[in-house]
C-alpha atoms as a PDB file:
ATOM      1  CA  UNK A   1      -8.050  -1.123   3.610  1.00  0.00           C
ATOM      2  CA  UNK A   2      -4.577  -2.497   3.031  1.00  0.00           C
ATOM      3  CA  UNK A   3      -5.955  -4.901   0.409  1.00  0.00           C
ATOM      4  CA  UNK A   4      -7.399  -1.994  -1.591  1.00  0.00           C
ATOM      5  CA  UNK A   5      -4.139  -0.093  -1.281  1.00  0.00           C
ATOM      6  CA  UNK A   6      -2.181  -3.080  -2.588  1.00  0.00           C
ATOM      7  CA  UNK A   7      -4.664  -3.510  -5.467  1.00  0.00           C
ATOM      8  CA  UNK A   8      -4.305   0.182  -6.354  1.00  0.00           C
ATOM      9  CA  UNK A   9      -0.514  -0.130  -6.294  1.00  0.00           C
ATOM     10  CA  UNK A  10      -0.613  -3.230  -8.510  1.00  0.00           C
ATOM     11  CA  UNK A  11      -2.858  -1.360 -10.964  1.00  0.00           C
ATOM     12  CA  UNK A  12      -0.445   1.617 -11.032  1.00  0.00           C
ATOM     13  CA  UNK A  13      -3.286   3.888  -9.959  1.00  0.00           C
ATOM     14  CA  UNK A  14      -0.912   6.637  -8.850  1.00  0.00           C
ATOM     15  CA  UNK A  15       1.288   8.594 -11.275  1.00  0.00           C
ATOM     16  CA  UNK A  16       3.609   9.678  -8.455  1.00  0.00           C
ATOM     17  CA  UNK A  17       4.031   8.627  -4.835  1.00  0.00           C
ATOM     18  CA  UNK A  18       5.890  10.510  -2.127  1.00  0.00           C
ATOM     19  CA  UNK A  19       6.586   8.110   0.732  1.00  0.00           C
ATOM     20  CA  UNK A  20       8.846   7.702   3.736  1.00  0.00           C
ATOM     21  CA  UNK A  21      12.180   6.107   2.879  1.00  0.00           C
ATOM     22  CA  UNK A  22      11.425   2.359   2.885  1.00  0.00           C
ATOM     23  CA  UNK A  23      12.956   0.284   5.675  1.00  0.00           C
ATOM     24  CA  UNK A  24      15.914  -1.673   4.338  1.00  0.00           C
ATOM     25  CA  UNK A  25      15.374  -4.900   6.267  1.00  0.00           C
ATOM     26  CA  UNK A  26      13.258  -6.761   8.769  1.00  0.00           C
ATOM     27  CA  UNK A  27      14.178  -6.119  12.390  1.00  0.00           C
ATOM     28  CA  UNK A  28      14.362  -8.715  15.138  1.00  0.00           C
ATOM     29  CA  UNK A  29      11.874  -8.621  17.998  1.00  0.00           C
ATOM     30  CA  UNK A  30      14.400  -6.999  20.339  1.00  0.00           C
ATOM     31  CA  UNK A  31      14.642  -3.833  18.249  1.00  0.00           C
ATOM     32  CA  UNK A  32      12.577  -0.769  19.059  1.00  0.00           C
ATOM     33  CA  UNK A  33       9.509  -0.554  16.826  1.00  0.00           C
ATOM     34  CA  UNK A  34      10.337  -3.890  15.166  1.00  0.00           C
ATOM     35  CA  UNK A  35       6.665  -4.816  14.729  1.00  0.00           C
ATOM     36  CA  UNK A  36       5.835  -1.494  13.097  1.00  0.00           C
ATOM     37  CA  UNK A  37       8.926  -1.590  10.875  1.00  0.00           C
ATOM     38  CA  UNK A  38       8.240  -5.154   9.762  1.00  0.00           C
ATOM     39  CA  UNK A  39       4.520  -4.590   9.129  1.00  0.00           C
ATOM     40  CA  UNK A  40       5.274  -1.465   7.051  1.00  0.00           C
ATOM     41  CA  UNK A  41       7.979  -3.294   5.113  1.00  0.00           C
ATOM     42  CA  UNK A  42       5.836  -6.362   4.346  1.00  0.00           C
ATOM     43  CA  UNK A  43       2.484  -4.696   3.689  1.00  0.00           C
ATOM     44  CA  UNK A  44       3.445  -1.332   2.194  1.00  0.00           C
ATOM     45  CA  UNK A  45       7.081  -0.995   1.091  1.00  0.00           C
ATOM     46  CA  UNK A  46       7.582  -4.349  -0.621  1.00  0.00           C
ATOM     47  CA  UNK A  47       4.344  -4.169  -2.653  1.00  0.00           C
ATOM     48  CA  UNK A  48       5.141  -0.551  -3.613  1.00  0.00           C
ATOM     49  CA  UNK A  49       8.709  -1.319  -4.660  1.00  0.00           C
ATOM     50  CA  UNK A  50       7.548  -4.271  -6.766  1.00  0.00           C
ATOM     51  CA  UNK A  51       5.365  -1.966  -8.851  1.00  0.00           C
ATOM     52  CA  UNK A  52       7.053   1.430  -8.538  1.00  0.00           C
ATOM     53  CA  UNK A  53      10.625   2.567  -8.903  1.00  0.00           C
ATOM     54  CA  UNK A  54      12.439   5.242  -6.957  1.00  0.00           C
ATOM     55  CA  UNK A  55      12.801   8.369  -9.076  1.00  0.00           C
ATOM     56  CA  UNK A  56      14.525  10.441  -6.384  1.00  0.00           C
ATOM     57  CA  UNK A  57      15.679   9.999  -2.789  1.00  0.00           C
ATOM     58  CA  UNK A  58      15.790  12.761  -0.193  1.00  0.00           C
ATOM     59  CA  UNK A  59      17.702  11.382   2.807  1.00  0.00           C
ATOM     60  CA  UNK A  60      17.674  14.740   4.590  1.00  0.00           C
ATOM     61  CA  UNK A  61      13.865  14.614   4.611  1.00  0.00           C
ATOM     62  CA  UNK A  62      13.704  10.810   4.916  1.00  0.00           C
ATOM     63  CA  UNK A  63      11.419  10.364   1.899  1.00  0.00           C
ATOM     64  CA  UNK A  64      11.469   9.055  -1.662  1.00  0.00           C
ATOM     65  CA  UNK A  65       9.581   9.864  -4.858  1.00  0.00           C
ATOM     66  CA  UNK A  66       8.288   6.852  -6.775  1.00  0.00           C
ATOM     67  CA  UNK A  67       6.880   6.429 -10.267  1.00  0.00           C
ATOM     68  CA  UNK A  68       5.198   3.394 -11.842  1.00  0.00           C
ATOM     69  CA  UNK A  69       7.661   0.759 -12.999  1.00  0.00           C
ATOM     70  CA  UNK A  70       7.533  -0.895 -16.356  1.00  0.00           C
END
């Protein structure tokens, strides 16, 4: 569940995370895939970025590597 995922993130359960490049901002309802973007940002990206820091970015592959923050 998303609650378990967020608890695992808060506990720094993972030594390394490879994830899609996080969305940069919320989108308005008129944008394509706004609901999906906004749900991912609020429920996955923001909690991850609070607890993990980006070690490396790979824009050509549209993903990032994250490690636990301090």
